[in-house]
């Protein structure tokens, strides 16, 4: 009887050590799917345009953060590449009246 109790206690206590490592792997996999892009925005004529662009981009599944700079006429977007892609982001802004292109790297 004591061996069964000891085995059960050992099995239960080992799950506390295994579970955090499984969780950590899941978090790492999610972080690695993040991608960022800067889009050059067309048709931005006023400071209010940035709110329409931001709302359009936030409506795309997988988008995590959006920062629109009305002075530079750009939008920086961080998104989950497993859920969406750059083409979907450009389609969203184009449909809102603001065609976009990928900002060239310097």
N, C-alpha and C. Protein backbone atom coordinates (compact mmCIF):
# COMPACT_ATOMS: atom_id res chain seq x y z
N UNK A 1 0.82 -1.20 0.00
CA UNK A 1 0.00 0.00 0.00
C UNK A 1 0.86 1.25 0.00
N UNK A 2 1.93 1.26 0.74
CA UNK A 2 2.80 2.43 0.81
C UNK A 2 3.47 2.71 -0.52
N UNK A 3 3.77 1.70 -1.28
CA UNK A 3 4.41 1.88 -2.58
C UNK A 3 3.44 2.56 -3.54
N UNK A 4 2.16 2.20 -3.49
CA UNK A 4 1.16 2.84 -4.34
C UNK A 4 1.02 4.32 -4.01
N UNK A 5 1.00 4.66 -2.74
CA UNK A 5 0.88 6.04 -2.29
C UNK A 5 2.12 6.82 -2.72
N UNK A 6 3.29 6.23 -2.55
CA UNK A 6 4.54 6.87 -2.95
C UNK A 6 4.57 7.10 -4.46
N UNK A 7 4.14 6.11 -5.23
CA UNK A 7 4.11 6.25 -6.69
C UNK A 7 3.12 7.35 -7.11
N UNK A 8 1.96 7.41 -6.49
CA UNK A 8 0.97 8.43 -6.80
C UNK A 8 1.50 9.82 -6.46
N UNK A 9 2.15 9.96 -5.31
CA UNK A 9 2.73 11.26 -4.90
C UNK A 9 3.82 11.68 -5.88
N UNK A 10 4.64 10.74 -6.30
CA UNK A 10 5.70 11.04 -7.26
C UNK A 10 5.12 11.46 -8.60
N UNK A 11 4.10 10.77 -9.06
CA UNK A 11 3.47 11.10 -10.34
C UNK A 11 2.83 12.49 -10.30
N UNK A 12 2.15 12.82 -9.22
CA UNK A 12 1.52 14.13 -9.10
C UNK A 12 2.54 15.25 -8.99
N UNK A 13 3.60 15.03 -8.24
CA UNK A 13 4.60 16.09 -8.08
C UNK A 13 5.40 16.31 -9.36
N UNK A 14 5.61 15.29 -10.16
CA UNK A 14 6.37 15.46 -11.40
C UNK A 14 5.58 16.28 -12.43
N UNK A 15 4.28 16.30 -12.35
CA UNK A 15 3.48 17.09 -13.29
C UNK A 15 3.70 18.59 -13.10
N UNK A 16 4.09 19.01 -11.91
CA UNK A 16 4.37 20.42 -11.67
C UNK A 16 5.64 20.87 -12.40
N UNK A 17 6.56 19.94 -12.60
CA UNK A 17 7.80 20.28 -13.29
C UNK A 17 7.65 20.19 -14.81
N UNK A 18 6.81 19.33 -15.27
CA UNK A 18 6.62 19.12 -16.72
C UNK A 18 5.72 20.20 -17.31
N UNK A 19 4.66 20.59 -16.63
CA UNK A 19 3.69 21.55 -17.16
C UNK A 19 4.31 22.90 -17.50
N UNK A 20 5.15 23.52 -16.66
CA UNK A 20 5.72 24.82 -17.03
C UNK A 20 6.57 24.77 -18.28
N UNK A 21 7.31 23.68 -18.49
CA UNK A 21 8.14 23.61 -19.69
C UNK A 21 7.28 23.47 -20.94
N UNK A 22 6.16 22.79 -20.87
CA UNK A 22 5.25 22.70 -22.01
C UNK A 22 4.65 24.07 -22.31
N UNK A 23 4.29 24.79 -21.27
CA UNK A 23 3.72 26.13 -21.45
C UNK A 23 4.74 27.07 -22.08
N UNK A 24 5.98 27.00 -21.65
CA UNK A 24 7.02 27.88 -22.17
C UNK A 24 7.23 27.65 -23.67
N UNK A 25 7.17 26.41 -24.11
CA UNK A 25 7.34 26.11 -25.53
C UNK A 25 6.20 26.71 -26.34
N UNK A 26 4.99 26.68 -25.81
CA UNK A 26 3.84 27.26 -26.50
C UNK A 26 4.01 28.76 -26.64
N UNK A 27 4.45 29.43 -25.61
CA UNK A 27 4.66 30.87 -25.65
C UNK A 27 5.73 31.22 -26.68
N UNK A 28 6.83 30.48 -26.70
CA UNK A 28 7.89 30.73 -27.67
C UNK A 28 7.40 30.58 -29.10
N UNK A 29 6.60 29.57 -29.35
CA UNK A 29 6.09 29.35 -30.70
C UNK A 29 5.22 30.52 -31.13
N UNK A 30 4.42 31.06 -30.22
CA UNK A 30 3.56 32.19 -30.55
C UNK A 30 4.37 33.44 -30.83
N UNK A 31 5.41 33.68 -30.05
CA UNK A 31 6.24 34.87 -30.23
C UNK A 31 6.95 34.81 -31.58
N UNK A 32 7.40 33.66 -31.99
CA UNK A 32 8.14 33.52 -33.23
C UNK A 32 7.30 33.77 -34.47
N UNK A 33 5.99 33.79 -34.37
CA UNK A 33 5.11 34.03 -35.51
C UNK A 33 4.87 35.51 -35.76
N UNK A 34 5.39 36.38 -34.90
CA UNK A 34 5.18 37.82 -35.06
C UNK A 34 6.05 38.37 -36.17
N UNK A 35 5.46 39.28 -36.92
CA UNK A 35 6.18 39.95 -38.00
C UNK A 35 5.76 41.41 -37.98
N UNK A 36 6.68 42.30 -38.33
CA UNK A 36 6.36 43.72 -38.40
C UNK A 36 6.64 44.24 -39.80
N UNK A 37 5.85 45.22 -40.21
CA UNK A 37 6.03 45.85 -41.51
C UNK A 37 5.68 47.32 -41.39
N UNK A 38 6.36 48.14 -42.17
CA UNK A 38 6.01 49.55 -42.28
C UNK A 38 5.40 49.76 -43.66
N UNK A 39 4.22 50.34 -43.67
CA UNK A 39 3.52 50.61 -44.93
C UNK A 39 3.53 52.11 -45.22
N UNK A 40 3.84 52.46 -46.47
CA UNK A 40 3.69 53.84 -46.93
C UNK A 40 2.25 54.03 -47.35
N UNK A 41 1.59 55.03 -46.78
CA UNK A 41 0.17 55.24 -47.01
C UNK A 41 -0.06 56.35 -48.05
N UNK A 42 -1.00 56.13 -48.92
CA UNK A 42 -1.40 57.15 -49.90
C UNK A 42 -2.73 57.76 -49.45
N UNK A 43 -3.02 58.93 -49.97
CA UNK A 43 -4.29 59.63 -49.73
C UNK A 43 -4.46 60.16 -48.31
N UNK A 44 -3.40 60.22 -47.53
CA UNK A 44 -3.51 60.81 -46.19
C UNK A 44 -3.42 62.32 -46.34
N UNK A 45 -4.53 62.99 -46.09
CA UNK A 45 -4.59 64.44 -46.29
C UNK A 45 -4.77 65.22 -44.99
N UNK A 46 -5.12 64.50 -43.91
CA UNK A 46 -5.32 65.20 -42.64
C UNK A 46 -4.99 64.27 -41.49
N UNK A 47 -4.94 64.82 -40.30
CA UNK A 47 -4.60 64.04 -39.11
C UNK A 47 -5.68 63.00 -38.77
N UNK A 48 -6.91 63.22 -39.21
CA UNK A 48 -8.00 62.29 -38.92
C UNK A 48 -7.90 61.00 -39.73
N UNK A 49 -7.18 61.04 -40.85
CA UNK A 49 -7.03 59.85 -41.70
C UNK A 49 -6.40 58.69 -40.93
N UNK A 50 -5.52 59.00 -39.98
CA UNK A 50 -4.82 57.95 -39.27
C UNK A 50 -5.78 57.06 -38.47
N UNK A 51 -6.87 57.63 -38.01
CA UNK A 51 -7.84 56.83 -37.25
C UNK A 51 -8.56 55.82 -38.13
N UNK A 52 -8.87 56.23 -39.36
CA UNK A 52 -9.52 55.32 -40.30
C UNK A 52 -8.56 54.20 -40.69
N UNK A 53 -7.31 54.54 -40.94
CA UNK A 53 -6.31 53.53 -41.31
C UNK A 53 -6.09 52.56 -40.16
N UNK A 54 -5.95 53.08 -38.95
CA UNK A 54 -5.73 52.24 -37.79
C UNK A 54 -6.90 51.27 -37.58
N UNK A 55 -8.09 51.78 -37.71
CA UNK A 55 -9.28 50.93 -37.53
C UNK A 55 -9.34 49.84 -38.60
N UNK A 56 -9.01 50.19 -39.84
CA UNK A 56 -9.03 49.20 -40.92
C UNK A 56 -8.01 48.10 -40.67
N UNK A 57 -6.82 48.46 -40.22
CA UNK A 57 -5.78 47.47 -39.96
C UNK A 57 -6.10 46.62 -38.73
N UNK A 58 -6.66 47.23 -37.71
CA UNK A 58 -7.02 46.47 -36.51
C UNK A 58 -8.15 45.47 -36.79
N UNK A 59 -8.89 45.69 -37.85
CA UNK A 59 -9.96 44.77 -38.22
C UNK A 59 -9.47 43.51 -38.90
N UNK A 60 -8.20 43.45 -39.24
CA UNK A 60 -7.63 42.26 -39.87
C UNK A 60 -7.26 41.26 -38.79
N UNK A 61 -7.75 40.04 -38.92
CA UNK A 61 -7.47 38.98 -37.96
C UNK A 61 -5.96 38.74 -37.89
N UNK A 62 -5.40 38.74 -36.70
CA UNK A 62 -3.98 38.49 -36.51
C UNK A 62 -3.16 39.74 -36.25
N UNK A 63 -3.74 40.92 -36.49
CA UNK A 63 -3.03 42.16 -36.24
C UNK A 63 -2.96 42.39 -34.74
N UNK A 64 -1.76 42.70 -34.25
CA UNK A 64 -1.57 42.89 -32.82
C UNK A 64 -1.41 44.35 -32.44
N UNK A 65 -0.58 45.10 -33.17
CA UNK A 65 -0.41 46.52 -32.88
C UNK A 65 -0.36 47.30 -34.18
N UNK A 66 -0.86 48.54 -34.12
CA UNK A 66 -0.83 49.45 -35.26
C UNK A 66 -0.44 50.82 -34.75
N UNK A 67 0.55 51.43 -35.42
CA UNK A 67 0.94 52.80 -35.12
C UNK A 67 0.96 53.56 -36.44
N UNK A 68 0.13 54.59 -36.55
CA UNK A 68 0.05 55.38 -37.77
C UNK A 68 0.68 56.74 -37.50
N UNK A 69 1.60 57.14 -38.38
CA UNK A 69 2.26 58.43 -38.28
C UNK A 69 1.76 59.31 -39.43
N UNK A 70 0.93 60.30 -39.11
CA UNK A 70 0.35 61.14 -40.15
C UNK A 70 1.39 62.07 -40.78
N UNK A 71 2.44 62.43 -40.05
CA UNK A 71 3.49 63.29 -40.62
C UNK A 71 4.32 62.55 -41.67
N UNK A 72 4.68 61.31 -41.35
CA UNK A 72 5.49 60.51 -42.29
C UNK A 72 4.63 59.75 -43.30
N UNK A 73 3.31 59.72 -43.04
CA UNK A 73 2.36 58.99 -43.87
C UNK A 73 2.72 57.50 -43.95
N UNK A 74 2.94 56.93 -42.76
CA UNK A 74 3.27 55.51 -42.65
C UNK A 74 2.42 54.85 -41.58
N UNK A 75 2.35 53.53 -41.68
CA UNK A 75 1.69 52.71 -40.65
C UNK A 75 2.62 51.55 -40.32
N UNK A 76 2.95 51.41 -39.05
CA UNK A 76 3.75 50.27 -38.61
C UNK A 76 2.81 49.25 -37.99
N UNK A 77 2.88 48.02 -38.50
CA UNK A 77 1.94 46.99 -38.08
C UNK A 77 2.72 45.76 -37.62
N UNK A 78 2.35 45.25 -36.45
CA UNK A 78 2.87 43.98 -35.96
C UNK A 78 1.72 42.99 -36.03
N UNK A 79 1.98 41.83 -36.63
CA UNK A 79 0.91 40.86 -36.85
C UNK A 79 1.44 39.44 -36.72
N UNK A 80 0.52 38.51 -36.53
CA UNK A 80 0.84 37.09 -36.46
C UNK A 80 0.84 36.56 -37.89
N UNK A 81 2.00 36.13 -38.36
CA UNK A 81 2.13 35.68 -39.75
C UNK A 81 1.42 34.36 -40.02
N UNK A 82 0.98 33.67 -38.98
CA UNK A 82 0.19 32.44 -39.16
C UNK A 82 -1.27 32.77 -39.44
N UNK A 83 -1.71 33.99 -39.10
CA UNK A 83 -3.11 34.37 -39.26
C UNK A 83 -3.35 35.33 -40.42
N UNK A 84 -2.35 36.10 -40.81
CA UNK A 84 -2.54 37.08 -41.88
C UNK A 84 -1.21 37.33 -42.58
N UNK A 85 -1.25 38.18 -43.60
CA UNK A 85 -0.03 38.49 -44.34
C UNK A 85 -0.08 39.95 -44.79
N UNK A 86 0.99 40.41 -45.40
CA UNK A 86 1.10 41.81 -45.81
C UNK A 86 0.05 42.15 -46.86
N UNK A 87 -0.23 41.22 -47.75
CA UNK A 87 -1.25 41.47 -48.78
C UNK A 87 -2.61 41.77 -48.16
N UNK A 88 -2.97 41.06 -47.12
CA UNK A 88 -4.26 41.31 -46.44
C UNK A 88 -4.27 42.69 -45.79
N UNK A 89 -3.12 43.11 -45.25
CA UNK A 89 -3.04 44.44 -44.65
C UNK A 89 -3.23 45.52 -45.70
N UNK A 90 -2.57 45.35 -46.84
CA UNK A 90 -2.69 46.32 -47.94
C UNK A 90 -4.12 46.35 -48.47
N UNK A 91 -4.74 45.19 -48.58
CA UNK A 91 -6.14 45.14 -49.03
C UNK A 91 -7.07 45.88 -48.07
N UNK A 92 -6.81 45.75 -46.77
CA UNK A 92 -7.66 46.43 -45.77
C UNK A 92 -7.56 47.94 -45.90
N UNK A 93 -6.33 48.45 -46.05
CA UNK A 93 -6.19 49.91 -46.17
C UNK A 93 -6.71 50.41 -47.50
N UNK A 94 -6.50 49.64 -48.56
CA UNK A 94 -7.01 50.03 -49.89
C UNK A 94 -8.53 50.10 -49.88
N UNK A 95 -9.16 49.11 -49.25
CA UNK A 95 -10.62 49.11 -49.16
C UNK A 95 -11.15 50.27 -48.33
N UNK A 96 -10.32 50.79 -47.43
CA UNK A 96 -10.72 51.95 -46.62
C UNK A 96 -10.42 53.27 -47.34
N UNK A 97 -9.82 53.18 -48.54
CA UNK A 97 -9.54 54.38 -49.32
C UNK A 97 -8.11 54.87 -49.23
N UNK A 98 -7.24 54.04 -48.65
CA UNK A 98 -5.84 54.43 -48.47
C UNK A 98 -4.92 53.32 -48.99
N UNK A 99 -4.65 53.33 -50.30
CA UNK A 99 -3.73 52.31 -50.84
C UNK A 99 -2.38 52.40 -50.14
N UNK A 100 -1.71 51.26 -50.02
CA UNK A 100 -0.43 51.23 -49.33
C UNK A 100 0.57 50.40 -50.10
N UNK A 101 1.83 50.68 -49.83
CA UNK A 101 2.95 49.87 -50.34
C UNK A 101 3.90 49.62 -49.20
N UNK A 102 4.70 48.59 -49.32
CA UNK A 102 5.68 48.29 -48.28
C UNK A 102 6.79 49.32 -48.34
N UNK A 103 7.10 49.88 -47.19
CA UNK A 103 8.15 50.90 -47.07
C UNK A 103 9.49 50.25 -47.38
N UNK A 104 10.27 50.84 -48.28
CA UNK A 104 11.57 50.23 -48.62
C UNK A 104 12.55 50.32 -47.45
N UNK A 105 13.35 49.27 -47.29
CA UNK A 105 14.36 49.26 -46.24
C UNK A 105 15.53 50.11 -46.66
N UNK A 106 16.14 50.75 -45.69
CA UNK A 106 17.29 51.62 -45.99
C UNK A 106 18.58 50.91 -45.78
